[in-house]
C-alpha atoms as a PDB file:
ATOM      1  CA  MET A   1      12.245  51.345 -34.771  1.00  0.00           C
ATOM      2  CA  ARG A   2      13.355  47.717 -34.083  1.00  0.00           C
ATOM      3  CA  GLN A   3      15.524  47.052 -31.267  1.00  0.00           C
ATOM      4  CA  SER A   4      17.834  44.338 -29.978  1.00  0.00           C
ATOM      5  CA  ILE A   5      16.970  41.915 -27.223  1.00  0.00           C
ATOM      6  CA  SER A   6      20.032  43.615 -25.508  1.00  0.00           C
ATOM      7  CA  GLU A   7      18.207  47.195 -26.079  1.00  0.00           C
ATOM      8  CA  LEU A   8      15.310  45.755 -24.435  1.00  0.00           C
ATOM      9  CA  LEU A   9      17.324  44.261 -21.513  1.00  0.00           C
ATOM     10  CA  SER A  10      19.282  47.613 -20.878  1.00  0.00           C
ATOM     11  CA  GLU A  11      15.560  49.031 -20.588  1.00  0.00           C
ATOM     12  CA  TYR A  12      13.986  46.273 -18.587  1.00  0.00           C
ATOM     13  CA  ASN A  13      17.285  46.121 -15.885  1.00  0.00           C
ATOM     14  CA  GLN A  14      16.490  50.324 -15.551  1.00  0.00           C
ATOM     15  CA  GLY A  15      12.979  49.473 -13.967  1.00  0.00           C
ATOM     16  CA  ARG A  16      12.845  46.028 -12.856  1.00  0.00           C
ATOM     17  CA  GLU A  17      10.680  45.230 -10.367  1.00  0.00           C
ATOM     18  CA  ILE A  18       9.489  41.780  -9.373  1.00  0.00           C
ATOM     19  CA  LEU A  19       6.920  42.223  -6.251  1.00  0.00           C
ATOM     20  CA  SER A  20       6.721  38.184  -6.021  1.00  0.00           C
ATOM     21  CA  SER A  21       7.644  35.153  -7.719  1.00  0.00           C
ATOM     22  CA  GLU A  22       6.949  31.214  -7.137  1.00  0.00           C
ATOM     23  CA  LYS A  23       7.101  28.086  -8.433  1.00  0.00           C
ATOM     24  CA  LEU A  24       3.506  26.222  -8.942  1.00  0.00           C
ATOM     25  CA  VAL A  25       2.427  22.718  -7.091  1.00  0.00           C
ATOM     26  CA  PHE A  26       0.803  20.172  -9.529  1.00  0.00           C
ATOM     27  CA  ARG A  27      -0.373  16.602  -8.869  1.00  0.00           C
ATOM     28  CA  GLY A  28      -1.254  13.368  -9.987  1.00  0.00           C
ATOM     29  CA  ILE A  29       1.612  13.071 -13.015  1.00  0.00           C
ATOM     30  CA  THR A  30       4.405  11.417 -12.151  1.00  0.00           C
ATOM     31  CA  GLY A  31       7.817  11.061 -14.458  1.00  0.00           C
ATOM     32  CA  ARG A  32       6.884  13.923 -16.340  1.00  0.00           C
ATOM     33  CA  ASP A  33       7.749  17.450 -16.447  1.00  0.00           C
ATOM     34  CA  ILE A  34       4.845  20.145 -16.824  1.00  0.00           C
ATOM     35  CA  TYR A  35       5.466  23.466 -18.259  1.00  0.00           C
ATOM     36  CA  ASN A  36       4.672  25.689 -20.542  1.00  0.00           C
ATOM     37  CA  ILE A  37       1.434  26.299 -18.888  1.00  0.00           C
ATOM     38  CA  THR A  38      -1.492  28.699 -19.781  1.00  0.00           C
ATOM     39  CA  ALA A  39      -3.105  31.155 -16.936  1.00  0.00           C
ATOM     40  CA  PRO A  40      -5.907  29.929 -15.194  1.00  0.00           C
ATOM     41  CA  LEU A  41      -9.381  29.900 -16.804  1.00  0.00           C
ATOM     42  CA  THR A  42     -12.446  29.445 -15.482  1.00  0.00           C
ATOM     43  CA  ASP A  43     -15.083  26.291 -16.097  1.00  0.00           C
ATOM     44  CA  ARG A  44     -17.686  25.049 -14.851  1.00  0.00           C
ATOM     45  CA  GLY A  45     -17.220  27.155 -11.703  1.00  0.00           C
ATOM     46  CA  GLU A  46     -13.300  25.887 -10.770  1.00  0.00           C
ATOM     47  CA  GLN A  47     -10.027  27.036 -11.939  1.00  0.00           C
ATOM     48  CA  TYR A  48      -7.955  25.261 -14.047  1.00  0.00           C
ATOM     49  CA  ILE A  49      -4.786  25.759 -16.014  1.00  0.00           C
ATOM     50  CA  LEU A  50      -3.637  23.966 -18.937  1.00  0.00           C
ATOM     51  CA  GLY A  51      -0.183  22.592 -19.087  1.00  0.00           C
ATOM     52  CA  ARG A  52       2.485  20.634 -21.333  1.00  0.00           C
ATOM     53  CA  VAL A  53       3.439  17.202 -19.983  1.00  0.00           C
ATOM     54  CA  GLU A  54       5.857  14.993 -21.187  1.00  0.00           C
ATOM     55  CA  PRO A  55       9.148  12.951 -20.138  1.00  0.00           C
ATOM     56  CA  ARG A  56      12.313  14.940 -19.893  1.00  0.00           C
ATOM     57  CA  ASP A  57      13.667  12.924 -22.955  1.00  0.00           C
ATOM     58  CA  SER A  58      10.936  13.576 -25.180  1.00  0.00           C
ATOM     59  CA  GLU A  59       8.598  16.159 -27.452  1.00  0.00           C
ATOM     60  CA  HIS A  60       5.745  14.011 -27.503  1.00  0.00           C
ATOM     61  CA  SER A  61       3.141  15.824 -24.941  1.00  0.00           C
ATOM     62  CA  GLN A  62      -0.128  16.066 -24.156  1.00  0.00           C
ATOM     63  CA  VAL A  63      -1.771  18.843 -23.111  1.00  0.00           C
ATOM     64  CA  ILE A  64      -3.500  18.199 -19.228  1.00  0.00           C
ATOM     65  CA  ALA A  65      -5.858  20.401 -17.572  1.00  0.00           C
ATOM     66  CA  PHE A  66      -5.180  21.208 -13.558  1.00  0.00           C
ATOM     67  CA  ARG A  67      -8.091  21.880 -11.274  1.00  0.00           C
ATOM     68  CA  GLN A  68      -7.481  24.143  -8.569  1.00  0.00           C
ATOM     69  CA  ARG A  69      -7.629  22.204  -4.805  1.00  0.00           C
ATOM     70  CA  GLY A  70      -6.233  25.420  -2.640  1.00  0.00           C
ATOM     71  CA  SER A  71      -2.417  26.165  -3.322  1.00  0.00           C
ATOM     72  CA  GLU A  72      -1.898  23.213  -5.387  1.00  0.00           C
ATOM     73  CA  TRP A  73      -3.720  21.930  -9.123  1.00  0.00           C
ATOM     74  CA  VAL A  74      -4.290  18.227  -9.555  1.00  0.00           C
ATOM     75  CA  ALA A  75      -4.908  16.439 -12.820  1.00  0.00           C
ATOM     76  CA  ALA A  76      -8.193  16.337 -13.982  1.00  0.00           C
ATOM     77  CA  PRO A  77      -8.840  12.722 -15.111  1.00  0.00           C
ATOM     78  CA  ASP A  78     -12.261  13.510 -16.192  1.00  0.00           C
ATOM     79  CA  ILE A  79     -11.668  16.000 -19.088  1.00  0.00           C
ATOM     80  CA  PRO A  80      -9.670  14.591 -22.316  1.00  0.00           C
ATOM     81  CA  ALA A  81      -6.139  15.268 -22.888  1.00  0.00           C
ATOM     82  CA  LEU A  82      -5.380  16.740 -26.075  1.00  0.00           C
ATOM     83  CA  THR A  83      -1.845  15.199 -27.897  1.00  0.00           C
ATOM     84  CA  LEU A  84      -0.411  18.761 -27.896  1.00  0.00           C
ATOM     85  CA  GLN A  85       2.323  21.014 -27.259  1.00  0.00           C
ATOM     86  CA  ASP A  86       2.276  24.521 -25.452  1.00  0.00           C
ATOM     87  CA  PRO A  87      -1.504  25.204 -24.841  1.00  0.00           C
ATOM     88  CA  PHE A  88      -3.513  28.472 -25.118  1.00  0.00           C
ATOM     89  CA  TRP A  89      -7.295  29.371 -24.236  1.00  0.00           C
ATOM     90  CA  CYS A  90      -9.519  32.474 -25.325  1.00  0.00           C
ATOM     91  CA  ARG A  91     -13.188  33.027 -25.571  1.00  0.00           C
ATOM     92  CA  ILE A  92     -15.083  33.871 -28.631  1.00  0.00           C
ATOM     93  CA  ARG A  93     -18.709  34.727 -29.046  1.00  0.00           C
ATOM     94  CA  GLY A  94     -19.193  32.718 -26.429  1.00  0.00           C
ATOM     95  CA  GLU A  95     -17.081  30.064 -26.475  1.00  0.00           C
ATOM     96  CA  LEU A  96     -14.151  28.072 -25.255  1.00  0.00           C
ATOM     97  CA  ILE A  97     -11.181  27.961 -27.398  1.00  0.00           C
ATOM     98  CA  VAL A  98      -8.455  26.199 -26.676  1.00  0.00           C
ATOM     99  CA  GLY A  99      -5.729  25.153 -29.322  1.00  0.00           C
ATOM    100  CA  GLY A 100      -1.688  23.708 -28.778  1.00  0.00           C
ATOM    101  CA  VAL A 101       0.960  22.359 -31.152  1.00  0.00           C
ATOM    102  CA  GLU A 102       0.957  18.939 -32.945  1.00  0.00           C
ATOM    103  CA  ILE A 103       3.838  17.744 -34.026  1.00  0.00           C
ATOM    104  CA  PHE A 104       4.478  14.870 -37.294  1.00  0.00           C
ATOM    105  CA  PRO A 105       7.457  13.392 -39.179  1.00  0.00           C
ATOM    106  CA  HIS A 106       8.667  15.879 -41.065  1.00  0.00           C
ATOM    107  CA  PRO A 107       7.750  15.101 -44.573  1.00  0.00           C
ATOM    108  CA  THR A 108      10.912  16.100 -46.496  1.00  0.00           C
ATOM    109  CA  GLU A 109      13.520  15.854 -43.712  1.00  0.00           C
ATOM    110  CA  PRO A 110      13.704  12.055 -42.494  1.00  0.00           C
ATOM    111  CA  GLY A 111      14.196  11.849 -38.824  1.00  0.00           C
ATOM    112  CA  HIS A 112      12.791  15.910 -37.830  1.00  0.00           C
ATOM    113  CA  LEU A 113       9.573  17.044 -36.968  1.00  0.00           C
ATOM    114  CA  GLY A 114       7.428  19.467 -38.104  1.00  0.00           C
ATOM    115  CA  TRP A 115       4.384  21.420 -36.395  1.00  0.00           C
ATOM    116  CA  ARG A 116       1.402  23.072 -37.384  1.00  0.00           C
ATOM    117  CA  THR A 117      -1.010  24.681 -34.545  1.00  0.00           C
ATOM    118  CA  LYS A 118      -4.679  22.777 -34.076  1.00  0.00           C
ATOM    119  CA  PHE A 119      -7.614  24.264 -32.555  1.00  0.00           C
ATOM    120  CA  TYR A 120     -10.555  23.099 -30.714  1.00  0.00           C
ATOM    121  CA  ARG A 121     -13.817  24.914 -29.387  1.00  0.00           C
ATOM    122  CA  GLY A 122     -16.452  24.126 -26.971  1.00  0.00           C
ATOM    123  CA  LYS A 123     -18.718  25.158 -24.321  1.00  0.00           C
ATOM    124  CA  ASP A 124     -16.225  23.832 -21.642  1.00  0.00           C
ATOM    125  CA  LEU A 125     -13.222  21.487 -21.287  1.00  0.00           C
ATOM    126  CA  LYS A 126     -15.451  18.205 -21.203  1.00  0.00           C
ATOM    127  CA  ASN A 127     -16.822  19.308 -24.901  1.00  0.00           C
ATOM    128  CA  LEU A 128     -14.161  20.717 -27.234  1.00  0.00           C
ATOM    129  CA  GLU A 129     -14.334  19.994 -31.017  1.00  0.00           C
ATOM    130  CA  HIS A 130     -11.540  20.114 -33.470  1.00  0.00           C
ATOM    131  CA  PHE A 131     -12.490  22.703 -35.963  1.00  0.00           C
ATOM    132  CA  ALA A 132      -9.329  24.635 -37.338  1.00  0.00           C
ATOM    133  CA  THR A 133      -5.639  23.741 -38.248  1.00  0.00           C
ATOM    134  CA  GLY A 134      -3.143  26.360 -39.311  1.00  0.00           C
ATOM    135  CA  PRO A 135      -0.438  25.976 -41.634  1.00  0.00           C
ATOM    136  CA  ASP A 136       2.585  23.844 -41.401  1.00  0.00           C
ATOM    137  CA  GLY A 137       5.616  25.265 -39.661  1.00  0.00           C
ATOM    138  CA  MET A 138       3.622  27.729 -37.910  1.00  0.00           C
ATOM    139  CA  LYS A 139       3.562  27.622 -34.110  1.00  0.00           C
ATOM    140  CA  ASP A 140       2.265  30.726 -32.052  1.00  0.00           C
ATOM    141  CA  ILE A 141      -1.378  31.888 -34.155  1.00  0.00           C
ATOM    142  CA  ARG A 142      -3.581  33.493 -31.262  1.00  0.00           C
ATOM    143  CA  LEU A 143      -7.323  34.879 -31.571  1.00  0.00           C
ATOM    144  CA  ALA A 144      -9.256  37.218 -30.111  1.00  0.00           C
ATOM    145  CA  GLU A 145     -12.652  38.611 -30.555  1.00  0.00           C
ATOM    146  CA  LEU A 146     -12.625  42.351 -30.850  1.00  0.00           C
ATOM    147  CA  PRO A 147     -15.435  45.147 -29.922  1.00  0.00           C
ATOM    148  CA  SER A 148     -16.424  45.368 -33.566  1.00  0.00           C
ATOM    149  CA  GLY A 149     -17.502  41.533 -33.695  1.00  0.00           C
ATOM    150  CA  SER A 150     -14.411  40.695 -36.175  1.00  0.00           C
ATOM    151  CA  ILE A 151     -11.777  37.856 -34.991  1.00  0.00           C
ATOM    152  CA  ALA A 152      -8.287  39.281 -34.763  1.00  0.00           C
ATOM    153  CA  VAL A 153      -5.454  36.926 -35.569  1.00  0.00           C
ATOM    154  CA  PHE A 154      -2.120  36.900 -34.654  1.00  0.00           C
ATOM    155  CA  THR A 155       0.563  34.409 -36.425  1.00  0.00           C
ATOM    156  CA  ARG A 156       4.044  33.796 -36.739  1.00  0.00           C
ATOM    157  CA  PRO A 157       5.529  32.663 -39.737  1.00  0.00           C
ATOM    158  CA  GLN A 158       9.003  31.305 -40.413  1.00  0.00           C
ATOM    159  CA  GLY A 159      11.434  31.281 -43.901  1.00  0.00           C
ATOM    160  CA  ASN A 160      10.213  33.132 -46.598  1.00  0.00           C
ATOM    161  CA  PRO A 161       8.351  35.174 -45.353  1.00  0.00           C
ATOM    162  CA  GLY A 162       9.012  35.182 -41.628  1.00  0.00           C
ATOM    163  CA  GLY A 163      13.078  34.545 -41.067  1.00  0.00           C
ATOM    164  CA  ARG A 164      13.242  33.009 -37.855  1.00  0.00           C
ATOM    165  CA  GLY A 165       9.657  33.840 -36.929  1.00  0.00           C
ATOM    166  CA  THR A 166       8.369  37.196 -36.702  1.00  0.00           C
ATOM    167  CA  ILE A 167       4.279  38.150 -36.255  1.00  0.00           C
ATOM    168  CA  GLY A 168       1.760  38.739 -38.657  1.00  0.00           C
ATOM    169  CA  TYR A 169      -1.751  40.221 -38.263  1.00  0.00           C
ATOM    170  CA  LEU A 170      -5.394  40.046 -40.027  1.00  0.00           C
ATOM    171  CA  GLU A 171      -9.016  39.896 -38.951  1.00  0.00           C
ATOM    172  CA  ILE A 172     -11.368  37.316 -39.952  1.00  0.00           C
ATOM    173  CA  ASN A 173     -15.492  37.664 -39.487  1.00  0.00           C
ATOM    174  CA  SER A 174     -15.907  33.590 -38.119  1.00  0.00           C
ATOM    175  CA  LEU A 175     -13.624  30.856 -36.686  1.00  0.00           C
ATOM    176  CA  GLU A 176     -15.082  28.787 -40.078  1.00  0.00           C
ATOM    177  CA  GLU A 177     -12.827  31.289 -42.028  1.00  0.00           C
ATOM    178  CA  LEU A 178      -9.571  30.183 -39.689  1.00  0.00           C
ATOM    179  CA  SER A 179      -7.509  28.138 -42.839  1.00  0.00           C
ATOM    180  CA  PRO A 180      -4.036  27.557 -43.390  1.00  0.00           C
ATOM    181  CA  ALA A 181      -4.882  30.116 -46.870  1.00  0.00           C
ATOM    182  CA  THR A 182      -6.143  32.603 -44.702  1.00  0.00           C
ATOM    183  CA  ILE A 183      -3.731  32.899 -42.098  1.00  0.00           C
ATOM    184  CA  ASN A 184      -0.625  32.888 -44.551  1.00  0.00           C
ATOM    185  CA  LYS A 185      -2.380  36.327 -45.883  1.00  0.00           C
ATOM    186  CA  ALA A 186      -1.412  38.085 -42.096  1.00  0.00           C
ATOM    187  CA  THR A 187       0.338  41.083 -42.904  1.00  0.00           C
ATOM    188  CA  LEU A 188       3.802  41.161 -41.025  1.00  0.00           C
ATOM    189  CA  LEU A 189       4.683  44.084 -38.296  1.00  0.00           C
ATOM    190  CA  GLN A 190       8.576  43.271 -38.326  1.00  0.00           C
ATOM    191  CA  GLN A 191       8.978  43.660 -34.684  1.00  0.00           C
ATOM    192  CA  PHE A 192      12.653  41.699 -34.764  1.00  0.00           C
ATOM    193  CA  ILE A 193      15.900  42.242 -36.047  1.00  0.00           C
ATOM    194  CA  PRO A 194      16.803  39.207 -38.414  1.00  0.00           C
ATOM    195  CA  GLU A 195      19.283  37.426 -35.638  1.00  0.00           C
ATOM    196  CA  GLU A 196      16.025  37.052 -33.229  1.00  0.00           C
ATOM    197  CA  TRP A 197      12.643  35.869 -33.413  1.00  0.00           C
ATOM    198  CA  GLY A 198       9.545  35.988 -31.193  1.00  0.00           C
ATOM    199  CA  GLY A 199       5.929  35.164 -31.427  1.00  0.00           C
ATOM    200  CA  ALA A 200       2.562  35.788 -29.810  1.00  0.00           C
ATOM    201  CA  ASN A 201       1.245  33.877 -26.880  1.00  0.00           C
ATOM    202  CA  GLU A 202      -1.977  35.867 -25.263  1.00  0.00           C
ATOM    203  CA  VAL A 203      -4.136  38.946 -26.407  1.00  0.00           C
ATOM    204  CA  HIS A 204      -5.900  40.741 -24.033  1.00  0.00           C
ATOM    205  CA  VAL A 205      -9.044  43.102 -25.508  1.00  0.00           C
ATOM    206  CA  LEU A 206      -8.217  46.525 -23.571  1.00  0.00           C
ATOM    207  CA  THR A 207     -11.067  49.140 -22.866  1.00  0.00           C
ATOM    208  CA  ASP A 208     -10.110  51.860 -25.198  1.00  0.00           C
ATOM    209  CA  GLY A 209     -10.547  48.901 -28.163  1.00  0.00           C
ATOM    210  CA  SER A 210      -6.672  48.312 -27.931  1.00  0.00           C
ATOM    211  CA  LEU A 211      -5.292  44.845 -28.166  1.00  0.00           C
ATOM    212  CA  GLY A 212      -2.519  44.098 -25.169  1.00  0.00           C
ATOM    213  CA  VAL A 213       0.097  41.190 -26.655  1.00  0.00           C
ATOM    214  CA  LEU A 214       1.956  39.134 -24.423  1.00  0.00           C
ATOM    215  CA  GLY A 215       4.683  37.229 -25.964  1.00  0.00           C
ATOM    216  CA  HIS A 216       8.232  36.136 -26.506  1.00  0.00           C
ATOM    217  CA  ILE A 217      11.338  37.504 -27.780  1.00  0.00           C
ATOM    218  CA  ALA A 218      14.462  34.961 -28.321  1.00  0.00           C
ATOM    219  CA  CYS A 219      17.960  34.518 -29.562  1.00  0.00           C
ATOM    220  CA  PHE A 220      20.648  32.363 -29.863  1.00  0.00           C
ATOM    221  CA  ASP A 221      24.192  33.115 -28.080  1.00  0.00           C
ATOM    222  CA  GLN A 222      27.567  32.089 -29.907  1.00  0.00           C
ATOM    223  CA  ALA A 223      27.764  28.860 -28.363  1.00  0.00           C
ATOM    224  CA  GLY A 224      24.392  27.877 -29.932  1.00  0.00           C
ATOM    225  CA  ALA A 225      22.432  28.549 -26.640  1.00  0.00           C
ATOM    226  CA  ARG A 226      18.902  29.678 -26.534  1.00  0.00           C
ATOM    227  CA  HIS A 227      17.662  32.831 -24.829  1.00  0.00           C
ATOM    228  CA  TYR A 228      13.870  33.343 -24.136  1.00  0.00           C
ATOM    229  CA  TYR A 229      12.102  36.647 -22.603  1.00  0.00           C
ATOM    230  CA  ALA A 230       8.723  37.290 -21.711  1.00  0.00           C
ATOM    231  CA  MET A 231       7.514  40.868 -23.836  1.00  0.00           C
ATOM    232  CA  ALA A 232       4.545  42.729 -24.404  1.00  0.00           C
ATOM    233  CA  PHE A 233       3.349  45.512 -26.659  1.00  0.00           C
ATOM    234  CA  THR A 234      -0.451  46.942 -27.543  1.00  0.00           C
ATOM    235  CA  PHE A 235      -1.663  46.812 -31.028  1.00  0.00           C
ATOM    236  CA  ASP A 236      -4.388  49.244 -32.497  1.00  0.00           C
ATOM    237  CA  PRO A 237      -6.636  46.977 -34.679  1.00  0.00           C
ATOM    238  CA  LEU A 238      -7.654  50.444 -36.526  1.00  0.00           C
ATOM    239  CA  THR A 239      -4.983  51.700 -37.136  1.00  0.00           C
ATOM    240  CA  LYS A 240      -2.968  48.027 -37.751  1.00  0.00           C
ATOM    241  CA  LYS A 241      -0.036  49.627 -35.874  1.00  0.00           C
ATOM    242  CA  ALA A 242       2.042  48.412 -33.368  1.00  0.00           C
ATOM    243  CA  GLY A 243       3.428  50.050 -29.903  1.00  0.00           C
ATOM    244  CA  PRO A 244       6.229  50.002 -28.423  1.00  0.00           C
ATOM    245  CA  MET A 245       7.575  46.314 -27.449  1.00  0.00           C
ATOM    246  CA  GLY A 246       9.478  45.758 -23.735  1.00  0.00           C
ATOM    247  CA  ILE A 247      10.921  42.757 -21.876  1.00  0.00           C
ATOM    248  CA  ILE A 248       8.681  42.129 -18.822  1.00  0.00           C
ATOM    249  CA  ALA A 249      10.142  39.292 -17.452  1.00  0.00           C
ATOM    250  CA  THR A 250      13.514  37.106 -17.756  1.00  0.00           C
ATOM    251  CA  ARG A 251      14.141  33.801 -16.510  1.00  0.00           C
ATOM    252  CA  SER A 252      16.598  34.824 -13.546  1.00  0.00           C
ATOM    253  CA  ASP A 253      13.085  36.624 -11.841  1.00  0.00           C
ATOM    254  CA  PHE A 254      11.859  33.392 -11.852  1.00  0.00           C
ATOM    255  CA  PRO A 255      13.032  30.723  -9.097  1.00  0.00           C
ATOM    256  CA  SER A 256      15.833  28.942 -10.154  1.00  0.00           C
ATOM    257  CA  GLY A 257      15.694  25.000 -11.017  1.00  0.00           C
ATOM    258  CA  GLU A 258      15.869  22.080 -13.809  1.00  0.00           C
ATOM    259  CA  SER A 259      16.093  22.481 -17.472  1.00  0.00           C
ATOM    260  CA  LYS A 260      15.457  20.092 -20.291  1.00  0.00           C
ATOM    261  CA  ARG A 261      18.766  20.655 -21.682  1.00  0.00           C
ATOM    262  CA  PRO A 262      21.758  22.795 -20.729  1.00  0.00           C
ATOM    263  CA  ASP A 263      20.991  24.819 -24.037  1.00  0.00           C
ATOM    264  CA  LEU A 264      17.481  25.903 -22.437  1.00  0.00           C
ATOM    265  CA  GLN A 265      18.640  26.969 -19.309  1.00  0.00           C
ATOM    266  CA  ASP A 266      17.703  30.602 -19.756  1.00  0.00           C
ATOM    267  CA  VAL A 267      14.301  30.007 -21.264  1.00  0.00           C
ATOM    268  CA  ILE A 268      10.957  31.487 -20.045  1.00  0.00           C
ATOM    269  CA  PHE A 269       7.918  30.691 -22.227  1.00  0.00           C
ATOM    270  CA  SER A 270       5.018  32.937 -21.539  1.00  0.00           C
ATOM    271  CA  GLY A 271       2.006  31.452 -20.806  1.00  0.00           C
ATOM    272  CA  GLY A 272      -0.560  34.221 -19.713  1.00  0.00           C
ATOM    273  CA  LEU A 273      -1.666  37.243 -17.636  1.00  0.00           C
ATOM    274  CA  LEU A 274      -3.908  37.412 -14.659  1.00  0.00           C
ATOM    275  CA  ARG A 275      -4.512  40.929 -14.786  1.00  0.00           C
ATOM    276  CA  LEU A 276      -5.218  42.550 -11.220  1.00  0.00           C
ATOM    277  CA  GLU A 277      -7.229  45.767 -10.009  1.00  0.00           C
ATOM    278  CA  ASP A 278      -4.819  47.064  -8.357  1.00  0.00           C
ATOM    279  CA  GLY A 279      -2.330  47.271 -11.387  1.00  0.00           C
ATOM    280  CA  THR A 280      -0.352  44.176 -10.968  1.00  0.00           C
ATOM    281  CA  ALA A 281      -0.696  41.256 -12.823  1.00  0.00           C
ATOM    282  CA  TRP A 282       0.356  37.579 -12.380  1.00  0.00           C
ATOM    283  CA  LEU A 283       2.480  36.293 -15.386  1.00  0.00           C
ATOM    284  CA  TYR A 284       2.347  32.489 -15.826  1.00  0.00           C
ATOM    285  CA  ALA A 285       5.369  30.878 -17.691  1.00  0.00           C
ATOM    286  CA  GLY A 286       7.409  27.936 -18.119  1.00  0.00           C
ATOM    287  CA  LEU A 287      10.647  27.482 -17.034  1.00  0.00           C
ATOM    288  CA  SER A 288      13.681  25.998 -19.033  1.00  0.00           C
ATOM    289  CA  ASP A 289      11.296  23.360 -20.628  1.00  0.00           C
ATOM    290  CA  ALA A 290      11.192  21.644 -17.467  1.00  0.00           C
ATOM    291  CA  GLU A 291       8.777  23.439 -14.910  1.00  0.00           C
ATOM    292  CA  ALA A 292       6.364  26.247 -14.427  1.00  0.00           C
ATOM    293  CA  ALA A 293       6.204  29.299 -12.199  1.00  0.00           C
ATOM    294  CA  ARG A 294       4.510  32.685 -11.785  1.00  0.00           C
ATOM    295  CA  VAL A 295       5.634  35.876 -11.146  1.00  0.00           C
ATOM    296  CA  LEU A 296       3.988  39.328  -9.700  1.00  0.00           C
ATOM    297  CA  ILE A 297       4.828  42.296 -12.099  1.00  0.00           C
ATOM    298  CA  ALA A 298       3.099  45.715 -12.573  1.00  0.00           C
ATOM    299  CA  ASP A 299       0.211  45.069 -15.270  1.00  0.00           C
ATOM    300  CA  PRO A 300       2.173  45.720 -18.969  1.00  0.00           C
ATOM    301  CA  PHE A 301      -1.284  47.062 -19.962  1.00  0.00           C
ATOM    302  CA  SER A 302      -1.833  49.747 -17.625  1.00  0.00           C
ATOM    303  CA  VAL A 303      -1.704  53.093 -17.718  1.00  0.00           C
ATOM    304  CA  LYS A 304       1.730  53.486 -15.399  1.00  0.00           C
ATOM    305  CA  SER A 305       3.306  50.559 -17.461  1.00  0.00           C
ATOM    306  CA  ARG A 306       7.065  52.240 -19.286  1.00  0.00           C
ATOM    307  CA  GLY A 307       4.388  53.038 -22.118  1.00  0.00           C
ATOM    308  CA  LEU A 308       3.924  49.953 -23.106  1.00  0.00           C
ATOM    309  CA  GLY A 309      -0.094  50.704 -23.581  1.00  0.00           C
ATOM    310  CA  SER A 310      -2.652  53.791 -22.497  1.00  0.00           C
ATOM    311  CA  SER A 311      -5.363  51.418 -21.361  1.00  0.00           C
ATOM    312  CA  GLY A 312      -6.656  50.368 -18.216  1.00  0.00           C
ATOM    313  CA  GLU A 313      -8.542  47.339 -17.344  1.00  0.00           C
ATOM    314  CA  GLU A 314      -9.041  44.728 -19.951  1.00  0.00           C
ATOM    315  CA  ALA A 315     -12.981  43.763 -21.566  1.00  0.00           C
ATOM    316  CA  GLY A 316     -12.593  40.338 -22.101  1.00  0.00           C
ATOM    317  CA  GLN A 317     -10.657  37.388 -23.270  1.00  0.00           C
END
């Protein structure tokens, strides 16, 4: 049964527990905001975060890699920047996959932007090559390697079908099959009421073979302001059924700060989960389209977490 944001928030607030919360410190970039980050990834023995970097008054951004140096993250000039928004990463069959959103002048609406998801692959961050592009108008396409060897693909169509944005699912046999025509064949999961929308941001393969999906759910208020919340659910690739969805963090769970625009103040964009052995997880997120932070929460995919899943540790990402 589909639940509205108000219903999900009511459930979340009854058991809300934030164990720690902190903004992340980035160095090596001046005059631009860093937000909509990924969770850390290990590359050639070092830890990196990928972040969306852009001026406050612009949508034209780069994805830049930041190398961990103690408690700070320092821009890595030796790693090529990508002209994309909203980075993500995963590993498929031993390769690093990095993606993000490319913007371009809208072909039929002068003065507006179009967007599409681009994918890169390689042995490490220094050696990535473009290999696939999603359909025009689609963000939030995410991949995961299944225990069977197939590749899970979560999509997010808008319009007809998809409404304001919903999640679709399909499986492919190889990365070479990833194309707009294939992506558009996904089966829609029908998780959101028509007035609201959402998407997948990261996929974890759990030990029982199910998938832990970190995502976002969003809506407009009556004044036109946007409200984005971090959410999670599990998905069974055998039955193609999604488990119950739950909100796992809100903007008020993070430190207060700046906003790109007033209508974006109550926005968090789920970047990734760093799952820990003690049953907790760090959620990395962008804040209000201007900053980046993380919060320590109960792992939404652990056995003890509010019915979101029945799996323990992840098998790999």
